[in-house]
């Protein structure tokens, strides 16, 4: 799978997580997505949010999510099967 396909998957996941459609993922939205994925017990949601939120504004942007998934392609594949 190439970068374009991966980027499309990332955008799909982002849209599914961003429930209110404001173009950013809040901690609550991120937590809900982690719960829905069934990996709740394995993830420290606030810590993972902080790791992905590179600019520290308290939200995950599409670019930040893409940067994270680019560094962790296996997590993108897992997210596609669980969230998308």
PDB file of N, CA and C in Angstrom:
ATOM      1  N   UNK A   1       0.850  -1.175   0.000  1.00  0.00           N
ATOM      2  CA  UNK A   1       0.000   0.000   0.000  1.00  0.00           C
ATOM      3  C   UNK A   1       0.891   1.231   0.000  1.00  0.00           C
ATOM      4  N   UNK A   2       0.602   2.164  -0.901  1.00  0.00           N
ATOM      5  CA  UNK A   2       1.431   3.352  -1.019  1.00  0.00           C
ATOM      6  C   UNK A   2       1.013   4.458  -0.082  1.00  0.00           C
ATOM      7  N   UNK A   3       1.781   5.550  -0.119  1.00  0.00           N
ATOM      8  CA  UNK A   3       1.500   6.691   0.754  1.00  0.00           C
ATOM      9  C   UNK A   3       0.123   7.288   0.505  1.00  0.00           C
ATOM     10  N   UNK A   4      -0.306   7.344  -0.767  1.00  0.00           N
ATOM     11  CA  UNK A   4      -1.612   7.929  -1.079  1.00  0.00           C
ATOM     12  C   UNK A   4      -2.733   7.115  -0.443  1.00  0.00           C
ATOM     13  N   UNK A   5      -2.636   5.798  -0.522  1.00  0.00           N
ATOM     14  CA  UNK A   5      -3.644   4.928   0.092  1.00  0.00           C
ATOM     15  C   UNK A   5      -3.608   5.070   1.610  1.00  0.00           C
ATOM     16  N   UNK A   6      -2.423   5.115   2.170  1.00  0.00           N
ATOM     17  CA  UNK A   6      -2.292   5.284   3.615  1.00  0.00           C
ATOM     18  C   UNK A   6      -2.852   6.630   4.063  1.00  0.00           C
ATOM     19  N   UNK A   7      -2.586   7.671   3.299  1.00  0.00           N
ATOM     20  CA  UNK A   7      -3.101   9.012   3.630  1.00  0.00           C
ATOM     21  C   UNK A   7      -4.629   9.003   3.577  1.00  0.00           C
ATOM     22  N   UNK A   8      -5.200   8.333   2.591  1.00  0.00           N
ATOM     23  CA  UNK A   8      -6.659   8.230   2.484  1.00  0.00           C
ATOM     24  C   UNK A   8      -7.232   7.485   3.694  1.00  0.00           C
ATOM     25  N   UNK A   9      -6.567   6.418   4.112  1.00  0.00           N
ATOM     26  CA  UNK A   9      -6.992   5.691   5.308  1.00  0.00           C
ATOM     27  C   UNK A   9      -6.924   6.590   6.536  1.00  0.00           C
ATOM     28  N   UNK A  10      -5.862   7.358   6.648  1.00  0.00           N
ATOM     29  CA  UNK A  10      -5.685   8.264   7.776  1.00  0.00           C
ATOM     30  C   UNK A  10      -6.805   9.308   7.792  1.00  0.00           C
ATOM     31  N   UNK A  11      -7.135   9.849   6.630  1.00  0.00           N
ATOM     32  CA  UNK A  11      -8.204  10.844   6.542  1.00  0.00           C
ATOM     33  C   UNK A  11      -9.550  10.237   6.943  1.00  0.00           C
ATOM     34  N   UNK A  12      -9.796   9.006   6.516  1.00  0.00           N
ATOM     35  CA  UNK A  12     -11.033   8.322   6.879  1.00  0.00           C
ATOM     36  C   UNK A  12     -11.115   8.128   8.389  1.00  0.00           C
ATOM     37  N   UNK A  13     -10.035   7.668   8.976  1.00  0.00           N
ATOM     38  CA  UNK A  13      -9.992   7.470  10.426  1.00  0.00           C
ATOM     39  C   UNK A  13     -10.198   8.802  11.150  1.00  0.00           C
ATOM     40  N   UNK A  14      -9.529   9.840  10.675  1.00  0.00           N
ATOM     41  CA  UNK A  14      -9.661  11.160  11.290  1.00  0.00           C
ATOM     42  C   UNK A  14     -11.122  11.606  11.289  1.00  0.00           C
ATOM     43  N   UNK A  15     -11.789  11.462  10.154  1.00  0.00           N
ATOM     44  CA  UNK A  15     -13.188  11.881  10.048  1.00  0.00           C
ATOM     45  C   UNK A  15     -14.094  11.068  10.969  1.00  0.00           C
ATOM     46  N   UNK A  16     -13.789   9.790  11.132  1.00  0.00           N
ATOM     47  CA  UNK A  16     -14.595   8.949  12.027  1.00  0.00           C
ATOM     48  C   UNK A  16     -14.405   9.344  13.494  1.00  0.00           C
ATOM     49  N   UNK A  17     -13.183   9.721  13.851  1.00  0.00           N
ATOM     50  CA  UNK A  17     -12.905  10.097  15.236  1.00  0.00           C
ATOM     51  C   UNK A  17     -13.441  11.501  15.540  1.00  0.00           C
ATOM     52  N   UNK A  18     -13.325  12.407  14.578  1.00  0.00           N
ATOM     53  CA  UNK A  18     -13.746  13.803  14.748  1.00  0.00           C
ATOM     54  C   UNK A  18     -15.271  13.889  14.647  1.00  0.00           C
ATOM     55  N   UNK A  19     -15.946  13.459  15.708  1.00  0.00           N
ATOM     56  CA  UNK A  19     -17.412  13.335  15.715  1.00  0.00           C
ATOM     57  C   UNK A  19     -18.140  14.654  15.446  1.00  0.00           C
ATOM     58  N   UNK A  20     -17.622  15.763  15.961  1.00  0.00           N
ATOM     59  CA  UNK A  20     -18.329  17.031  15.773  1.00  0.00           C
ATOM     60  C   UNK A  20     -17.916  17.748  14.487  1.00  0.00           C
ATOM     61  N   UNK A  21     -16.962  17.193  13.742  1.00  0.00           N
ATOM     62  CA  UNK A  21     -16.584  17.730  12.439  1.00  0.00           C
ATOM     63  C   UNK A  21     -15.902  19.082  12.472  1.00  0.00           C
ATOM     64  N   UNK A  22     -15.249  19.404  13.586  1.00  0.00           N
ATOM     65  CA  UNK A  22     -14.599  20.707  13.681  1.00  0.00           C
ATOM     66  C   UNK A  22     -13.164  20.715  13.138  1.00  0.00           C
ATOM     67  N   UNK A  23     -12.721  19.596  12.597  1.00  0.00           N
ATOM     68  CA  UNK A  23     -11.387  19.538  11.993  1.00  0.00           C
ATOM     69  C   UNK A  23     -10.268  19.276  12.971  1.00  0.00           C
ATOM     70  N   UNK A  24     -10.625  18.881  14.190  1.00  0.00           N
ATOM     71  CA  UNK A  24      -9.612  18.538  15.184  1.00  0.00           C
ATOM     72  C   UNK A  24     -10.201  17.495  16.126  1.00  0.00           C
ATOM     73  N   UNK A  25      -9.325  16.675  16.685  1.00  0.00           N
ATOM     74  CA  UNK A  25      -9.750  15.600  17.577  1.00  0.00           C
ATOM     75  C   UNK A  25      -9.458  16.019  19.013  1.00  0.00           C
ATOM     76  N   UNK A  26     -10.522  16.056  19.816  1.00  0.00           N
ATOM     77  CA  UNK A  26     -10.383  16.414  21.231  1.00  0.00           C
ATOM     78  C   UNK A  26      -9.994  15.170  22.030  1.00  0.00           C
ATOM     79  N   UNK A  27      -9.650  15.388  23.280  1.00  0.00           N
ATOM     80  CA  UNK A  27      -9.318  14.270  24.165  1.00  0.00           C
ATOM     81  C   UNK A  27     -10.519  13.340  24.307  1.00  0.00           C
ATOM     82  N   UNK A  28     -11.723  13.899  24.443  1.00  0.00           N
ATOM     83  CA  UNK A  28     -12.923  13.065  24.568  1.00  0.00           C
ATOM     84  C   UNK A  28     -13.148  12.218  23.317  1.00  0.00           C
ATOM     85  N   UNK A  29     -13.007  12.838  22.143  1.00  0.00           N
ATOM     86  CA  UNK A  29     -13.187  12.099  20.887  1.00  0.00           C
ATOM     87  C   UNK A  29     -12.133  11.005  20.748  1.00  0.00           C
ATOM     88  N   UNK A  30     -10.901  11.337  21.118  1.00  0.00           N
ATOM     89  CA  UNK A  30      -9.816  10.362  21.034  1.00  0.00           C
ATOM     90  C   UNK A  30     -10.066   9.208  21.998  1.00  0.00           C
ATOM     91  N   UNK A  31     -10.482   9.537  23.211  1.00  0.00           N
ATOM     92  CA  UNK A  31     -10.789   8.504  24.203  1.00  0.00           C
ATOM     93  C   UNK A  31     -11.909   7.591  23.738  1.00  0.00           C
ATOM     94  N   UNK A  32     -12.955   8.170  23.142  1.00  0.00           N
ATOM     95  CA  UNK A  32     -14.054   7.369  22.613  1.00  0.00           C
ATOM     96  C   UNK A  32     -13.574   6.422  21.514  1.00  0.00           C
ATOM     97  N   UNK A  33     -12.679   6.901  20.663  1.00  0.00           N
ATOM     98  CA  UNK A  33     -12.148   6.067  19.579  1.00  0.00           C
ATOM     99  C   UNK A  33     -11.297   4.924  20.127  1.00  0.00           C
ATOM    100  N   UNK A  34     -10.518   5.212  21.142  1.00  0.00           N
ATOM    101  CA  UNK A  34      -9.696   4.163  21.760  1.00  0.00           C
ATOM    102  C   UNK A  34     -10.608   3.105  22.380  1.00  0.00           C
ATOM    103  N   UNK A  35     -11.648   3.551  23.086  1.00  0.00           N
ATOM    104  CA  UNK A  35     -12.610   2.608  23.671  1.00  0.00           C
ATOM    105  C   UNK A  35     -13.275   1.761  22.604  1.00  0.00           C
ATOM    106  N   UNK A  36     -13.704   2.399  21.525  1.00  0.00           N
ATOM    107  CA  UNK A  36     -14.393   1.695  20.439  1.00  0.00           C
ATOM    108  C   UNK A  36     -13.486   0.682  19.756  1.00  0.00           C
ATOM    109  N   UNK A  37     -12.186   0.941  19.781  1.00  0.00           N
ATOM    110  CA  UNK A  37     -11.245   0.038  19.120  1.00  0.00           C
ATOM    111  C   UNK A  37     -10.978  -1.218  19.944  1.00  0.00           C
ATOM    112  N   UNK A  38     -11.372  -1.188  21.216  1.00  0.00           N
ATOM    113  CA  UNK A  38     -11.162  -2.346  22.075  1.00  0.00           C
ATOM    114  C   UNK A  38      -9.777  -2.449  22.666  1.00  0.00           C
ATOM    115  N   UNK A  39      -8.963  -1.406  22.529  1.00  0.00           N
ATOM    116  CA  UNK A  39      -7.599  -1.427  23.067  1.00  0.00           C
ATOM    117  C   UNK A  39      -7.490  -0.598  24.343  1.00  0.00           C
ATOM    118  N   UNK A  40      -8.606  -0.309  24.935  1.00  0.00           N
ATOM    119  CA  UNK A  40      -8.690   0.586  26.091  1.00  0.00           C
ATOM    120  C   UNK A  40      -7.708   0.231  27.205  1.00  0.00           C
ATOM    121  N   UNK A  41      -7.600  -1.037  27.556  1.00  0.00           N
ATOM    122  CA  UNK A  41      -6.736  -1.444  28.652  1.00  0.00           C
ATOM    123  C   UNK A  41      -5.263  -1.275  28.366  1.00  0.00           C
ATOM    124  N   UNK A  42      -4.905  -1.188  27.090  1.00  0.00           N
ATOM    125  CA  UNK A  42      -3.499  -1.109  26.703  1.00  0.00           C
ATOM    126  C   UNK A  42      -3.009   0.317  26.476  1.00  0.00           C
ATOM    127  N   UNK A  43      -3.909   1.301  26.507  1.00  0.00           N
ATOM    128  CA  UNK A  43      -3.540   2.657  26.108  1.00  0.00           C
ATOM    129  C   UNK A  43      -3.804   3.650  27.236  1.00  0.00           C
ATOM    130  N   UNK A  44      -2.784   4.427  27.576  1.00  0.00           N
ATOM    131  CA  UNK A  44      -2.942   5.570  28.467  1.00  0.00           C
ATOM    132  C   UNK A  44      -3.380   6.722  27.560  1.00  0.00           C
ATOM    133  N   UNK A  45      -4.690   6.968  27.508  1.00  0.00           N
ATOM    134  CA  UNK A  45      -5.253   7.901  26.531  1.00  0.00           C
ATOM    135  C   UNK A  45      -4.636   9.298  26.622  1.00  0.00           C
ATOM    136  N   UNK A  46      -4.577   9.924  27.803  1.00  0.00           N
ATOM    137  CA  UNK A  46      -3.970  11.267  27.855  1.00  0.00           C
ATOM    138  C   UNK A  46      -2.506  11.280  27.411  1.00  0.00           C
ATOM    139  N   UNK A  47      -1.751  10.259  27.766  1.00  0.00           N
ATOM    140  CA  UNK A  47      -0.338  10.208  27.366  1.00  0.00           C
ATOM    141  C   UNK A  47      -0.199  10.028  25.854  1.00  0.00           C
ATOM    142  N   UNK A  48      -1.030   9.165  25.273  1.00  0.00           N
ATOM    143  CA  UNK A  48      -0.976   8.943  23.824  1.00  0.00           C
ATOM    144  C   UNK A  48      -1.410  10.211  23.092  1.00  0.00           C
ATOM    145  N   UNK A  49      -2.422  10.877  23.611  1.00  0.00           N
ATOM    146  CA  UNK A  49      -2.883  12.142  23.021  1.00  0.00           C
ATOM    147  C   UNK A  49      -1.741  13.156  23.012  1.00  0.00           C
ATOM    148  N   UNK A  50      -1.058  13.262  24.140  1.00  0.00           N
ATOM    149  CA  UNK A  50       0.061  14.204  24.259  1.00  0.00           C
ATOM    150  C   UNK A  50       1.182  13.856  23.272  1.00  0.00           C
ATOM    151  N   UNK A  51       1.417  12.566  23.085  1.00  0.00           N
ATOM    152  CA  UNK A  51       2.448  12.113  22.140  1.00  0.00           C
ATOM    153  C   UNK A  51       2.102  12.523  20.706  1.00  0.00           C
ATOM    154  N   UNK A  52       0.843  12.394  20.334  1.00  0.00           N
ATOM    155  CA  UNK A  52       0.426  12.697  18.964  1.00  0.00           C
ATOM    156  C   UNK A  52       0.281  14.201  18.741  1.00  0.00           C
ATOM    157  N   UNK A  53      -0.163  14.934  19.758  1.00  0.00           N
ATOM    158  CA  UNK A  53      -0.410  16.379  19.677  1.00  0.00           C
ATOM    159  C   UNK A  53       0.909  17.143  19.754  1.00  0.00           C
ATOM    160  N   UNK A  54       1.594  17.209  18.632  1.00  0.00           N
ATOM    161  CA  UNK A  54       2.945  17.796  18.595  1.00  0.00           C
ATOM    162  C   UNK A  54       2.982  19.288  18.920  1.00  0.00           C
ATOM    163  N   UNK A  55       1.938  20.034  18.546  1.00  0.00           N
ATOM    164  CA  UNK A  55       1.979  21.471  18.813  1.00  0.00           C
ATOM    165  C   UNK A  55       1.440  21.843  20.199  1.00  0.00           C
ATOM    166  N   UNK A  56       0.950  20.835  20.945  1.00  0.00           N
ATOM    167  CA  UNK A  56       0.532  21.049  22.319  1.00  0.00           C
ATOM    168  C   UNK A  56      -0.717  21.888  22.509  1.00  0.00           C
ATOM    169  N   UNK A  57      -1.567  21.971  21.469  1.00  0.00           N
ATOM    170  CA  UNK A  57      -2.773  22.791  21.593  1.00  0.00           C
ATOM    171  C   UNK A  57      -3.953  22.048  22.223  1.00  0.00           C
ATOM    172  N   UNK A  58      -3.748  20.777  22.588  1.00  0.00           N
ATOM    173  CA  UNK A  58      -4.802  20.004  23.215  1.00  0.00           C
ATOM    174  C   UNK A  58      -5.715  19.279  22.246  1.00  0.00           C
ATOM    175  N   UNK A  59      -5.381  19.343  20.969  1.00  0.00           N
ATOM    176  CA  UNK A  59      -6.153  18.674  19.931  1.00  0.00           C
ATOM    177  C   UNK A  59      -5.210  17.971  18.957  1.00  0.00           C
ATOM    178  N   UNK A  60      -5.730  16.955  18.274  1.00  0.00           N
ATOM    179  CA  UNK A  60      -4.959  16.274  17.232  1.00  0.00           C
ATOM    180  C   UNK A  60      -5.485  16.757  15.887  1.00  0.00           C
ATOM    181  N   UNK A  61      -4.587  17.292  15.078  1.00  0.00           N
ATOM    182  CA  UNK A  61      -4.943  17.712  13.719  1.00  0.00           C
ATOM    183  C   UNK A  61      -4.733  16.531  12.775  1.00  0.00           C
ATOM    184  N   UNK A  62      -5.257  16.662  11.570  1.00  0.00           N
ATOM    185  CA  UNK A  62      -5.048  15.625  10.561  1.00  0.00           C
ATOM    186  C   UNK A  62      -3.552  15.444  10.303  1.00  0.00           C
ATOM    187  N   UNK A  63      -2.816  16.538  10.202  1.00  0.00           N
ATOM    188  CA  UNK A  63      -1.368  16.441   9.950  1.00  0.00           C
ATOM    189  C   UNK A  63      -0.648  15.717  11.086  1.00  0.00           C
ATOM    190  N   UNK A  64      -1.048  15.991  12.317  1.00  0.00           N
ATOM    191  CA  UNK A  64      -0.418  15.315  13.460  1.00  0.00           C
ATOM    192  C   UNK A  64      -0.746  13.826  13.456  1.00  0.00           C
ATOM    193  N   UNK A  65      -1.992  13.490  13.121  1.00  0.00           N
ATOM    194  CA  UNK A  65      -2.360  12.078  13.060  1.00  0.00           C
ATOM    195  C   UNK A  65      -1.595  11.379  11.941  1.00  0.00           C
ATOM    196  N   UNK A  66      -1.456  12.040  10.790  1.00  0.00           N
ATOM    197  CA  UNK A  66      -0.708  11.466   9.674  1.00  0.00           C
ATOM    198  C   UNK A  66       0.759  11.276  10.047  1.00  0.00           C
ATOM    199  N   UNK A  67       1.338  12.243  10.725  1.00  0.00           N
ATOM    200  CA  UNK A  67       2.737  12.128  11.161  1.00  0.00           C
ATOM    201  C   UNK A  67       2.907  10.919  12.089  1.00  0.00           C
ATOM    202  N   UNK A  68       1.969  10.751  13.012  1.00  0.00           N
ATOM    203  CA  UNK A  68       2.018   9.618  13.938  1.00  0.00           C
ATOM    204  C   UNK A  68       1.903   8.299  13.181  1.00  0.00           C
ATOM    205  N   UNK A  69       0.902   8.179  12.313  1.00  0.00           N
ATOM    206  CA  UNK A  69       0.699   6.938  11.575  1.00  0.00           C
ATOM    207  C   UNK A  69       1.838   6.665  10.590  1.00  0.00           C
ATOM    208  N   UNK A  70       2.463   7.702  10.062  1.00  0.00           N
ATOM    209  CA  UNK A  70       3.615   7.505   9.172  1.00  0.00           C
ATOM    210  C   UNK A  70       4.769   6.856   9.922  1.00  0.00           C
ATOM    211  N   UNK A  71       4.901   7.216  11.192  1.00  0.00           N
ATOM    212  CA  UNK A  71       5.959   6.638  12.028  1.00  0.00           C
ATOM    213  C   UNK A  71       5.572   5.267  12.573  1.00  0.00           C
ATOM    214  N   UNK A  72       4.260   4.957  12.550  1.00  0.00           N
ATOM    215  CA  UNK A  72       3.755   3.691  13.093  1.00  0.00           C
ATOM    216  C   UNK A  72       2.761   3.063  12.108  1.00  0.00           C
ATOM    217  N   UNK A  73       3.241   2.616  10.943  1.00  0.00           N
ATOM    218  CA  UNK A  73       2.328   2.107   9.910  1.00  0.00           C
ATOM    219  C   UNK A  73       1.488   0.911  10.355  1.00  0.00           C
ATOM    220  N   UNK A  74       1.997   0.105  11.246  1.00  0.00           N
ATOM    221  CA  UNK A  74       1.213  -1.045  11.722  1.00  0.00           C
ATOM    222  C   UNK A  74      -0.011  -0.569  12.504  1.00  0.00           C
ATOM    223  N   UNK A  75       0.146   0.518  13.242  1.00  0.00           N
ATOM    224  CA  UNK A  75      -0.988   1.065  13.994  1.00  0.00           C
ATOM    225  C   UNK A  75      -2.059   1.594  13.041  1.00  0.00           C
ATOM    226  N   UNK A  76      -1.638   2.140  11.901  1.00  0.00           N
ATOM    227  CA  UNK A  76      -2.600   2.600  10.904  1.00  0.00           C
ATOM    228  C   UNK A  76      -3.414   1.414  10.379  1.00  0.00           C
ATOM    229  N   UNK A  77      -2.731   0.316  10.077  1.00  0.00           N
ATOM    230  CA  UNK A  77      -3.430  -0.872   9.581  1.00  0.00           C
ATOM    231  C   UNK A  77      -4.430  -1.379  10.612  1.00  0.00           C
ATOM    232  N   UNK A  78      -4.025  -1.402  11.867  1.00  0.00           N
ATOM    233  CA  UNK A  78      -4.925  -1.860  12.940  1.00  0.00           C
ATOM    234  C   UNK A  78      -6.104  -0.902  13.095  1.00  0.00           C
ATOM    235  N   UNK A  79      -5.844   0.383  13.032  1.00  0.00           N
ATOM    236  CA  UNK A  79      -6.907   1.378  13.179  1.00  0.00           C
ATOM    237  C   UNK A  79      -7.927   1.270  12.059  1.00  0.00           C
ATOM    238  N   UNK A  80      -7.453   0.993  10.856  1.00  0.00           N
ATOM    239  CA  UNK A  80      -8.357   0.861   9.713  1.00  0.00           C
ATOM    240  C   UNK A  80      -9.330  -0.281   9.940  1.00  0.00           C
ATOM    241  N   UNK A  81      -8.852  -1.386  10.473  1.00  0.00           N
ATOM    242  CA  UNK A  81      -9.724  -2.535  10.689  1.00  0.00           C
ATOM    243  C   UNK A  81     -10.662  -2.333  11.877  1.00  0.00           C
ATOM    244  N   UNK A  82     -10.271  -1.513  12.851  1.00  0.00           N
ATOM    245  CA  UNK A  82     -11.082  -1.346  14.049  1.00  0.00           C
ATOM    246  C   UNK A  82     -11.992  -0.124  14.023  1.00  0.00           C
ATOM    247  N   UNK A  83     -11.547   0.951  13.387  1.00  0.00           N
ATOM    248  CA  UNK A  83     -12.289   2.207  13.450  1.00  0.00           C
ATOM    249  C   UNK A  83     -13.008   2.519  12.141  1.00  0.00           C
ATOM    250  N   UNK A  84     -12.334   2.283  11.049  1.00  0.00           N
ATOM    251  CA  UNK A  84     -12.892   2.704   9.742  1.00  0.00           C
ATOM    252  C   UNK A  84     -14.053   1.845   9.303  1.00  0.00           C
TER     253      UNK A  84
END
